[in-house]
Amino acid sequence: MSEKNIEKIAAVLKNGSPVITAADVKHGVMEQVQLYFEADGEAVMDVINKDDLVQNFPDEGVFVINRNGNPVKLVMFEGEEDMYFRTDGTTEEADEFGDVPSVAFMTAVEAISQLKF
């Protein structure tokens, strides 16, 4: 990842916007996302469900990290029966988070990074 992308992500976090790094979407419905947010000058990770994201969607917005490491704005909109999230600019009534990996994948990567031998 480039230094420029890291600077963009840091600016987004400092502005109060969470950054989603992983999402589990099943049959077009987000089950959970892994996100980072700024707390006391540090990036803190959490895993939350769809209801939590809908209810706590910040005015500053939410961003998703794409495969190139760029933060892309996530849009939340109301459909006929639910709220939906998309990064691709469409209004299809299904959740879409770009091409982020699953929460399980990212949890495994983070667990590996903490191993000590």
Protein backbone atom coordinates (compact mmCIF):
# COMPACT_ATOMS: atom_id res chain seq x y z
CA MET A 1 0.00 0.00 0.00
CA SER A 2 1.31 3.42 -0.86
CA GLU A 3 2.14 6.09 1.69
CA LYS A 4 -0.42 8.33 -0.05
CA ASN A 5 -3.21 5.79 0.59
CA ILE A 6 -2.21 5.50 4.24
CA GLU A 7 -2.37 9.29 4.53
CA LYS A 8 -5.86 9.30 2.97
CA ILE A 9 -7.05 6.61 5.40
CA ALA A 10 -5.55 8.46 8.37
CA ALA A 11 -7.31 11.67 7.29
CA VAL A 12 -10.65 9.83 7.01
CA LEU A 13 -10.24 8.33 10.48
CA LYS A 14 -9.19 11.67 12.01
CA ASN A 15 -12.31 13.25 10.46
CA GLY A 16 -14.51 10.82 12.44
CA SER A 17 -15.34 8.39 9.64
CA PRO A 18 -14.96 4.66 10.28
CA VAL A 19 -13.14 2.60 7.65
CA ILE A 20 -14.51 -0.84 6.73
CA THR A 21 -11.85 -3.44 5.95
CA ALA A 22 -14.00 -6.59 5.68
CA ALA A 23 -17.66 -7.52 5.18
CA ASP A 24 -19.79 -10.63 5.28
CA VAL A 25 -22.69 -10.34 2.82
CA LYS A 26 -25.04 -13.28 2.35
CA HIS A 27 -27.82 -13.19 -0.27
CA GLY A 28 -27.37 -9.43 -0.63
CA VAL A 29 -27.67 -8.70 3.09
CA MET A 30 -24.73 -7.58 5.19
CA GLU A 31 -24.33 -9.76 8.27
CA GLN A 32 -21.29 -8.06 9.79
CA VAL A 33 -18.41 -5.76 8.96
CA GLN A 34 -14.99 -5.24 10.43
CA LEU A 35 -14.19 -1.58 10.78
CA TYR A 36 -11.62 0.74 12.27
CA PHE A 37 -12.33 4.06 13.95
CA GLU A 38 -10.27 6.64 15.79
CA ALA A 39 -10.37 6.60 19.59
CA ASP A 40 -7.95 8.54 21.79
CA GLY A 41 -5.52 9.05 18.92
CA GLU A 42 -5.39 5.40 17.85
CA ALA A 43 -7.10 3.24 15.24
CA VAL A 44 -9.37 0.75 17.02
CA MET A 45 -11.00 -2.27 15.35
CA ASP A 46 -14.49 -3.65 15.97
CA VAL A 47 -16.89 -6.07 14.30
CA ILE A 48 -20.49 -4.88 14.12
CA ASN A 49 -23.74 -6.09 12.56
CA LYS A 50 -26.00 -4.32 10.08
CA ASP A 51 -28.35 -2.86 12.69
CA ASP A 52 -25.39 -1.30 14.53
CA LEU A 53 -24.08 0.27 11.32
CA VAL A 54 -27.52 1.63 10.36
CA GLN A 55 -28.20 3.05 13.83
CA ASN A 56 -24.72 4.51 14.30
CA PHE A 57 -23.95 5.69 10.75
CA PRO A 58 -21.96 8.88 11.40
CA ASP A 59 -22.70 12.22 9.76
CA GLU A 60 -19.06 12.27 8.64
CA GLY A 61 -19.73 9.15 6.54
CA VAL A 62 -18.20 5.70 6.34
CA PHE A 63 -15.50 4.53 3.96
CA VAL A 64 -14.54 1.11 2.59
CA ILE A 65 -10.96 0.22 1.67
CA ASN A 66 -10.84 -1.11 -1.90
CA ARG A 67 -8.27 -3.62 -3.22
CA ASN A 68 -5.97 -0.75 -4.25
CA GLY A 69 -5.94 0.56 -0.68
CA ASN A 70 -8.05 3.62 -1.43
CA PRO A 71 -10.88 4.70 0.87
CA VAL A 72 -14.16 4.70 -1.08
CA LYS A 73 -17.29 6.37 0.34
CA LEU A 74 -20.06 4.01 1.44
CA VAL A 75 -23.59 5.23 0.74
CA MET A 76 -26.53 4.22 2.92
CA PHE A 77 -29.99 4.53 1.39
CA GLU A 78 -33.53 3.43 2.15
CA GLY A 79 -35.11 0.75 -0.01
CA GLU A 80 -38.66 -0.54 0.08
CA GLU A 81 -38.07 -2.86 3.02
CA ASP A 82 -34.63 -2.11 4.46
CA MET A 83 -31.65 0.21 4.53
CA TYR A 84 -28.89 -0.70 2.09
CA PHE A 85 -25.17 0.04 1.73
CA ARG A 86 -23.28 0.41 -1.55
CA THR A 87 -19.95 1.70 -2.84
CA ASP A 88 -20.63 1.36 -6.57
CA GLY A 89 -22.98 4.32 -7.04
CA THR A 90 -26.03 2.19 -7.85
CA THR A 91 -29.28 1.89 -5.89
CA GLU A 92 -29.82 -1.85 -6.25
CA GLU A 93 -31.56 -3.07 -3.10
CA ALA A 94 -28.72 -5.28 -1.91
CA ASP A 95 -25.71 -4.54 0.27
CA GLU A 96 -22.41 -4.14 -1.57
CA PHE A 97 -19.01 -3.38 -0.05
CA GLY A 98 -16.76 -3.59 -3.08
CA ASP A 99 -14.24 -6.36 -3.06
CA VAL A 100 -13.25 -6.43 0.62
CA PRO A 101 -12.47 -9.86 2.09
CA SER A 102 -14.63 -11.66 4.63
CA VAL A 103 -14.48 -10.84 8.32
CA ALA A 104 -13.21 -14.38 9.02
CA PHE A 105 -10.30 -13.86 6.60
CA MET A 106 -9.27 -10.58 8.21
CA THR A 107 -9.63 -12.03 11.70
CA ALA A 108 -7.30 -14.86 10.69
CA VAL A 109 -4.75 -12.42 9.24
CA GLU A 110 -4.81 -10.34 12.41
CA ALA A 111 -4.43 -13.45 14.57
CA ILE A 112 -1.39 -14.48 12.52
CA SER A 113 0.15 -11.03 12.97
CA GLN A 114 -0.08 -11.46 16.75
CA LEU A 115 1.61 -14.88 16.92
CA LYS A 116 4.81 -15.18 18.91
CA PHE A 117 7.11 -18.18 18.64
